[in-house]
Amino acid sequence: MAKFIKFNVVNSAAASPLGPRESILVNIEDITTVAATGATGANAKTVIIGLTGRAAQALGYRTLTLTVSTSVSAAVNPTIATGAANPLTSAVRSAMTANPGGVTASVQLGVDQAAVPAQMYFRTAAYA
């Protein structure tokens, strides 16, 4: 099992000092919960990672919230169908249980569940 989970945040419209691609590493032992928000259909979607651990608590962090988009340059909401497994939480849990043979496993988002599926990306990340 990996020690760290990597979230690749892609936003080609990011203004300086933020880059168009940022990697966020989270110690797998600090992850307590994985949840997704957003109604079914083409609505705003987020993944909320509950955090614990010395580093997170010292900085006052309790959660990492990642917004999901189907565009690398704009906020385009992905479509998630009712009654299907949530691909957002499934991607995070798959990375958590992966055995990559190294220290880091990356969360790989697939395509959304629209009539014409589109690749999903993590667009923003915020600690709270």
Protein backbone atom coordinates (compact mmCIF):
# COMPACT_ATOMS: atom_id res chain seq x y z
CA MET A 1 0.00 0.00 0.00
CA ALA A 2 1.21 3.51 -0.79
CA LYS A 3 2.19 5.95 1.94
CA PHE A 4 0.96 9.02 0.07
CA ILE A 5 -1.94 9.78 -2.24
CA LYS A 6 -1.31 12.31 -5.02
CA PHE A 7 -4.05 14.56 -6.38
CA ASN A 8 -3.12 16.26 -9.66
CA VAL A 9 -4.93 19.60 -9.84
CA VAL A 10 -5.19 20.96 -13.40
CA ASN A 11 -6.29 24.50 -14.23
CA SER A 12 -4.79 26.04 -17.36
CA ALA A 13 -6.50 29.34 -16.51
CA ALA A 14 -4.72 29.64 -13.13
CA ALA A 15 -3.21 33.05 -12.45
CA SER A 16 0.28 33.51 -11.04
CA PRO A 17 1.64 32.47 -8.54
CA LEU A 18 -0.39 29.30 -9.03
CA GLY A 19 0.74 26.99 -11.77
CA PRO A 20 -1.47 25.24 -14.32
CA ARG A 21 -0.62 21.90 -12.69
CA GLU A 22 -0.16 21.33 -8.98
CA SER A 23 0.32 18.02 -7.21
CA ILE A 24 -0.99 17.67 -3.69
CA LEU A 25 0.40 14.84 -1.56
CA VAL A 26 -1.63 13.57 1.39
CA ASN A 27 -0.30 11.03 3.87
CA ILE A 28 -2.65 8.06 3.62
CA GLU A 29 -2.60 7.66 7.41
CA ASP A 30 -4.06 11.18 7.75
CA ILE A 31 -7.15 10.38 5.66
CA THR A 32 -10.17 9.62 7.83
CA THR A 33 -13.07 10.02 5.40
CA VAL A 34 -13.73 10.32 1.68
CA ALA A 35 -16.99 11.88 0.53
CA ALA A 36 -18.40 13.47 -2.59
CA THR A 37 -20.92 16.28 -2.80
CA GLY A 38 -23.19 17.47 -5.58
CA ALA A 39 -26.55 16.36 -6.85
CA THR A 40 -26.89 13.87 -9.68
CA GLY A 41 -26.85 15.27 -13.18
CA ALA A 42 -24.60 18.06 -14.42
CA ASN A 43 -24.15 19.92 -11.13
CA ALA A 44 -21.07 21.11 -9.24
CA LYS A 45 -19.15 18.17 -7.75
CA THR A 46 -16.51 18.10 -5.02
CA VAL A 47 -14.49 15.47 -3.23
CA ILE A 48 -13.98 16.11 0.48
CA ILE A 49 -11.09 14.35 2.21
CA GLY A 50 -11.33 14.32 6.01
CA LEU A 51 -7.90 14.81 7.58
CA THR A 52 -6.33 14.01 10.89
CA GLY A 53 -2.73 13.78 12.02
CA ARG A 54 -0.12 16.04 13.57
CA ALA A 55 0.71 18.11 10.48
CA ALA A 56 -2.90 18.75 9.52
CA GLN A 57 -3.93 19.62 13.08
CA ALA A 58 -0.92 21.88 13.64
CA LEU A 59 -1.95 23.93 10.63
CA GLY A 60 -5.61 23.85 11.63
CA TYR A 61 -6.68 21.76 8.63
CA ARG A 62 -9.57 19.36 8.95
CA THR A 63 -10.52 18.83 5.29
CA LEU A 64 -9.16 18.99 1.77
CA THR A 65 -11.87 19.94 -0.73
CA LEU A 66 -11.23 19.27 -4.42
CA THR A 67 -13.59 20.56 -7.11
CA VAL A 68 -14.08 18.46 -10.21
CA SER A 69 -14.46 19.69 -13.79
CA THR A 70 -14.56 18.20 -17.27
CA SER A 71 -12.44 21.06 -18.63
CA VAL A 72 -8.85 22.08 -17.88
CA SER A 73 -9.60 25.75 -18.52
CA ALA A 74 -13.11 26.37 -17.19
CA ALA A 75 -15.49 25.15 -14.49
CA VAL A 76 -17.61 22.61 -16.38
CA ASN A 77 -19.67 20.35 -14.14
CA PRO A 78 -19.40 16.61 -14.70
CA THR A 79 -22.51 14.44 -15.00
CA ILE A 80 -23.00 11.64 -12.47
CA ALA A 81 -25.96 9.29 -12.92
CA THR A 82 -28.35 8.22 -10.19
CA GLY A 83 -27.95 4.63 -9.01
CA ALA A 84 -24.40 4.21 -10.31
CA ALA A 85 -21.29 3.94 -8.18
CA ASN A 86 -19.77 7.36 -7.50
CA PRO A 87 -16.64 7.51 -9.67
CA LEU A 88 -15.12 10.29 -7.56
CA THR A 89 -14.98 8.46 -4.24
CA SER A 90 -14.18 5.20 -6.05
CA ALA A 91 -11.09 6.79 -7.63
CA VAL A 92 -9.80 7.99 -4.24
CA ARG A 93 -10.46 4.66 -2.53
CA SER A 94 -8.78 2.78 -5.39
CA ALA A 95 -5.66 4.90 -4.97
CA MET A 96 -5.73 4.32 -1.21
CA THR A 97 -5.75 0.55 -1.64
CA ALA A 98 -3.38 0.41 -4.61
CA ASN A 99 -0.05 -1.34 -4.35
CA PRO A 100 2.07 0.76 -6.73
CA GLY A 101 5.39 -0.67 -5.61
CA GLY A 102 6.42 2.79 -4.48
CA VAL A 103 5.57 5.43 -1.97
CA THR A 104 2.95 7.37 -3.94
CA ALA A 105 -0.30 6.38 -5.65
CA SER A 106 -2.12 8.89 -7.86
CA VAL A 107 -5.87 9.40 -7.92
CA GLN A 108 -6.93 8.88 -11.53
CA LEU A 109 -10.34 10.28 -12.40
CA GLY A 110 -12.07 8.62 -15.32
CA VAL A 111 -14.83 9.95 -17.52
CA ASP A 112 -18.15 11.25 -16.28
CA GLN A 113 -21.46 9.46 -16.90
CA ALA A 114 -22.90 11.86 -19.50
CA ALA A 115 -24.41 10.69 -22.79
CA VAL A 116 -21.09 11.70 -24.37
CA PRO A 117 -18.58 10.99 -21.58
CA ALA A 118 -15.92 13.61 -20.85
CA GLN A 119 -12.65 13.21 -18.95
CA MET A 120 -12.82 14.56 -15.38
CA TYR A 121 -10.09 16.60 -13.66
CA PHE A 122 -9.49 18.04 -10.21
CA ARG A 123 -9.74 21.79 -10.87
CA THR A 124 -9.16 23.42 -7.48
CA ALA A 125 -8.05 22.35 -4.04
CA ALA A 126 -8.64 24.10 -0.72
CA TYR A 127 -7.74 23.20 2.84
CA ALA A 128 -10.10 24.19 5.64
